[in-house]
Protein backbone atom coordinates (compact mmCIF):
# COMPACT_ATOMS: atom_id res chain seq x y z
CA UNK A 1 0.00 0.00 0.00
CA UNK A 2 1.50 3.29 -1.09
CA UNK A 3 0.96 6.51 0.77
CA UNK A 4 -0.71 9.02 -1.53
CA UNK A 5 -0.75 12.80 -1.52
CA UNK A 6 -4.17 13.06 0.10
CA UNK A 7 -3.12 10.71 2.89
CA UNK A 8 -0.29 13.11 3.62
CA UNK A 9 -2.72 16.04 3.58
CA UNK A 10 -4.91 14.31 6.17
CA UNK A 11 -1.87 13.55 8.32
CA UNK A 12 -0.77 17.17 7.97
CA UNK A 13 -4.16 18.45 9.12
CA UNK A 14 -4.20 16.10 12.08
CA UNK A 15 -0.58 16.86 12.93
CA UNK A 16 -1.05 20.61 12.80
CA UNK A 17 -4.05 20.50 15.15
CA UNK A 18 -2.27 18.15 17.55
CA UNK A 19 0.74 20.46 17.45
CA UNK A 20 -1.50 23.40 18.31
CA UNK A 21 -2.94 21.56 21.28
CA UNK A 22 0.50 20.51 22.45
CA UNK A 23 1.84 24.05 22.14
CA UNK A 24 -1.07 25.32 24.19
CA UNK A 25 -0.70 22.63 26.82
CA UNK A 26 3.07 22.57 27.27
CA UNK A 27 4.20 26.15 26.59
CA UNK A 28 3.30 29.63 27.72
CA UNK A 29 1.25 30.16 24.55
CA UNK A 30 -2.48 29.92 25.15
CA UNK A 31 -4.31 26.92 23.76
CA UNK A 32 -6.83 28.91 21.72
CA UNK A 33 -4.28 31.09 19.88
CA UNK A 34 -2.02 28.10 19.26
CA UNK A 35 -4.84 26.02 17.80
CA UNK A 36 -6.11 28.96 15.72
CA UNK A 37 -2.67 29.51 14.17
CA UNK A 38 -2.09 25.85 13.46
CA UNK A 39 -5.64 25.53 12.11
CA UNK A 40 -4.64 28.22 9.61
CA UNK A 41 -1.87 25.91 8.46
CA UNK A 42 -4.39 23.07 8.17
CA UNK A 43 -6.67 25.29 6.08
CA UNK A 44 -3.76 26.11 3.80
CA UNK A 45 -3.06 22.38 3.33
CA UNK A 46 -6.69 21.70 2.50
CA UNK A 47 -6.85 24.63 0.06
CA UNK A 48 -3.72 23.40 -1.68
CA UNK A 49 -5.16 19.90 -1.96
CA UNK A 50 -8.44 21.19 -3.39
CA UNK A 51 -7.40 24.02 -5.69
CA UNK A 52 -3.73 23.63 -6.58
CA UNK A 53 -3.49 19.87 -6.76
CA UNK A 54 -7.09 18.84 -7.27
CA UNK A 55 -8.28 15.24 -7.22
CA UNK A 56 -8.82 15.10 -11.01
CA UNK A 57 -6.28 14.95 -13.80
CA UNK A 58 -8.13 17.15 -16.27
CA UNK A 59 -11.41 19.04 -16.61
CA UNK A 60 -12.88 16.25 -18.75
CA UNK A 61 -12.81 13.94 -15.73
CA UNK A 62 -15.45 16.09 -14.05
CA UNK A 63 -17.91 15.88 -16.94
CA UNK A 64 -17.54 12.10 -17.15
CA UNK A 65 -18.75 11.68 -13.58
CA UNK A 66 -21.75 13.95 -14.13
CA UNK A 67 -22.80 12.06 -17.25
CA UNK A 68 -22.63 8.72 -15.40
CA UNK A 69 -25.16 9.86 -12.78
CA UNK A 70 -27.81 10.69 -15.38
CA UNK A 71 -30.96 12.76 -15.04
CA UNK A 72 -32.87 12.78 -11.76
CA UNK A 73 -36.63 12.36 -11.94
CA UNK A 74 -38.31 14.61 -9.36
CA UNK A 75 -41.92 14.01 -10.49
CA UNK A 76 -42.76 11.63 -7.60
C-alpha atoms as a PDB file:
ATOM      1  CA  UNK A   1       0.000   0.000   0.000  1.00  0.00           C
ATOM      2  CA  UNK A   2       1.504   3.292  -1.093  1.00  0.00           C
ATOM      3  CA  UNK A   3       0.965   6.515   0.767  1.00  0.00           C
ATOM      4  CA  UNK A   4      -0.706   9.017  -1.535  1.00  0.00           C
ATOM      5  CA  UNK A   5      -0.752  12.797  -1.516  1.00  0.00           C
ATOM      6  CA  UNK A   6      -4.175  13.056   0.099  1.00  0.00           C
ATOM      7  CA  UNK A   7      -3.125  10.708   2.887  1.00  0.00           C
ATOM      8  CA  UNK A   8      -0.289  13.107   3.625  1.00  0.00           C
ATOM      9  CA  UNK A   9      -2.721  16.037   3.583  1.00  0.00           C
ATOM     10  CA  UNK A  10      -4.911  14.313   6.166  1.00  0.00           C
ATOM     11  CA  UNK A  11      -1.871  13.550   8.315  1.00  0.00           C
ATOM     12  CA  UNK A  12      -0.769  17.173   7.968  1.00  0.00           C
ATOM     13  CA  UNK A  13      -4.163  18.451   9.118  1.00  0.00           C
ATOM     14  CA  UNK A  14      -4.203  16.100  12.084  1.00  0.00           C
ATOM     15  CA  UNK A  15      -0.580  16.856  12.927  1.00  0.00           C
ATOM     16  CA  UNK A  16      -1.054  20.605  12.802  1.00  0.00           C
ATOM     17  CA  UNK A  17      -4.048  20.499  15.146  1.00  0.00           C
ATOM     18  CA  UNK A  18      -2.275  18.150  17.553  1.00  0.00           C
ATOM     19  CA  UNK A  19       0.738  20.458  17.447  1.00  0.00           C
ATOM     20  CA  UNK A  20      -1.501  23.404  18.314  1.00  0.00           C
ATOM     21  CA  UNK A  21      -2.943  21.556  21.282  1.00  0.00           C
ATOM     22  CA  UNK A  22       0.504  20.514  22.448  1.00  0.00           C
ATOM     23  CA  UNK A  23       1.842  24.051  22.138  1.00  0.00           C
ATOM     24  CA  UNK A  24      -1.067  25.315  24.186  1.00  0.00           C
ATOM     25  CA  UNK A  25      -0.703  22.625  26.819  1.00  0.00           C
ATOM     26  CA  UNK A  26       3.067  22.574  27.268  1.00  0.00           C
ATOM     27  CA  UNK A  27       4.202  26.146  26.586  1.00  0.00           C
ATOM     28  CA  UNK A  28       3.299  29.632  27.725  1.00  0.00           C
ATOM     29  CA  UNK A  29       1.250  30.159  24.555  1.00  0.00           C
ATOM     30  CA  UNK A  30      -2.485  29.921  25.152  1.00  0.00           C
ATOM     31  CA  UNK A  31      -4.310  26.920  23.762  1.00  0.00           C
ATOM     32  CA  UNK A  32      -6.827  28.915  21.723  1.00  0.00           C
ATOM     33  CA  UNK A  33      -4.278  31.092  19.884  1.00  0.00           C
ATOM     34  CA  UNK A  34      -2.018  28.103  19.261  1.00  0.00           C
ATOM     35  CA  UNK A  35      -4.836  26.017  17.799  1.00  0.00           C
ATOM     36  CA  UNK A  36      -6.110  28.963  15.722  1.00  0.00           C
ATOM     37  CA  UNK A  37      -2.671  29.513  14.173  1.00  0.00           C
ATOM     38  CA  UNK A  38      -2.088  25.849  13.458  1.00  0.00           C
ATOM     39  CA  UNK A  39      -5.639  25.526  12.110  1.00  0.00           C
ATOM     40  CA  UNK A  40      -4.643  28.223   9.607  1.00  0.00           C
ATOM     41  CA  UNK A  41      -1.871  25.913   8.459  1.00  0.00           C
ATOM     42  CA  UNK A  42      -4.390  23.069   8.172  1.00  0.00           C
ATOM     43  CA  UNK A  43      -6.672  25.295   6.084  1.00  0.00           C
ATOM     44  CA  UNK A  44      -3.755  26.114   3.796  1.00  0.00           C
ATOM     45  CA  UNK A  45      -3.057  22.384   3.332  1.00  0.00           C
ATOM     46  CA  UNK A  46      -6.693  21.699   2.495  1.00  0.00           C
ATOM     47  CA  UNK A  47      -6.849  24.635   0.061  1.00  0.00           C
ATOM     48  CA  UNK A  48      -3.719  23.399  -1.678  1.00  0.00           C
ATOM     49  CA  UNK A  49      -5.165  19.896  -1.960  1.00  0.00           C
ATOM     50  CA  UNK A  50      -8.437  21.192  -3.394  1.00  0.00           C
ATOM     51  CA  UNK A  51      -7.402  24.018  -5.686  1.00  0.00           C
ATOM     52  CA  UNK A  52      -3.733  23.625  -6.583  1.00  0.00           C
ATOM     53  CA  UNK A  53      -3.488  19.868  -6.759  1.00  0.00           C
ATOM     54  CA  UNK A  54      -7.086  18.842  -7.274  1.00  0.00           C
ATOM     55  CA  UNK A  55      -8.282  15.241  -7.220  1.00  0.00           C
ATOM     56  CA  UNK A  56      -8.820  15.095 -11.008  1.00  0.00           C
ATOM     57  CA  UNK A  57      -6.275  14.945 -13.798  1.00  0.00           C
ATOM     58  CA  UNK A  58      -8.130  17.154 -16.274  1.00  0.00           C
ATOM     59  CA  UNK A  59     -11.412  19.036 -16.611  1.00  0.00           C
ATOM     60  CA  UNK A  60     -12.879  16.246 -18.750  1.00  0.00           C
ATOM     61  CA  UNK A  61     -12.813  13.937 -15.732  1.00  0.00           C
ATOM     62  CA  UNK A  62     -15.452  16.094 -14.050  1.00  0.00           C
ATOM     63  CA  UNK A  63     -17.911  15.882 -16.937  1.00  0.00           C
ATOM     64  CA  UNK A  64     -17.536  12.102 -17.149  1.00  0.00           C
ATOM     65  CA  UNK A  65     -18.746  11.681 -13.578  1.00  0.00           C
ATOM     66  CA  UNK A  66     -21.755  13.951 -14.131  1.00  0.00           C
ATOM     67  CA  UNK A  67     -22.799  12.055 -17.245  1.00  0.00           C
ATOM     68  CA  UNK A  68     -22.629   8.722 -15.403  1.00  0.00           C
ATOM     69  CA  UNK A  69     -25.156   9.856 -12.783  1.00  0.00           C
ATOM     70  CA  UNK A  70     -27.806  10.690 -15.385  1.00  0.00           C
ATOM     71  CA  UNK A  71     -30.955  12.759 -15.039  1.00  0.00           C
ATOM     72  CA  UNK A  72     -32.872  12.781 -11.762  1.00  0.00           C
ATOM     73  CA  UNK A  73     -36.634  12.357 -11.942  1.00  0.00           C
ATOM     74  CA  UNK A  74     -38.309  14.613  -9.361  1.00  0.00           C
ATOM     75  CA  UNK A  75     -41.918  14.007 -10.492  1.00  0.00           C
ATOM     76  CA  UNK A  76     -42.761  11.632  -7.602  1.00  0.00           C
END
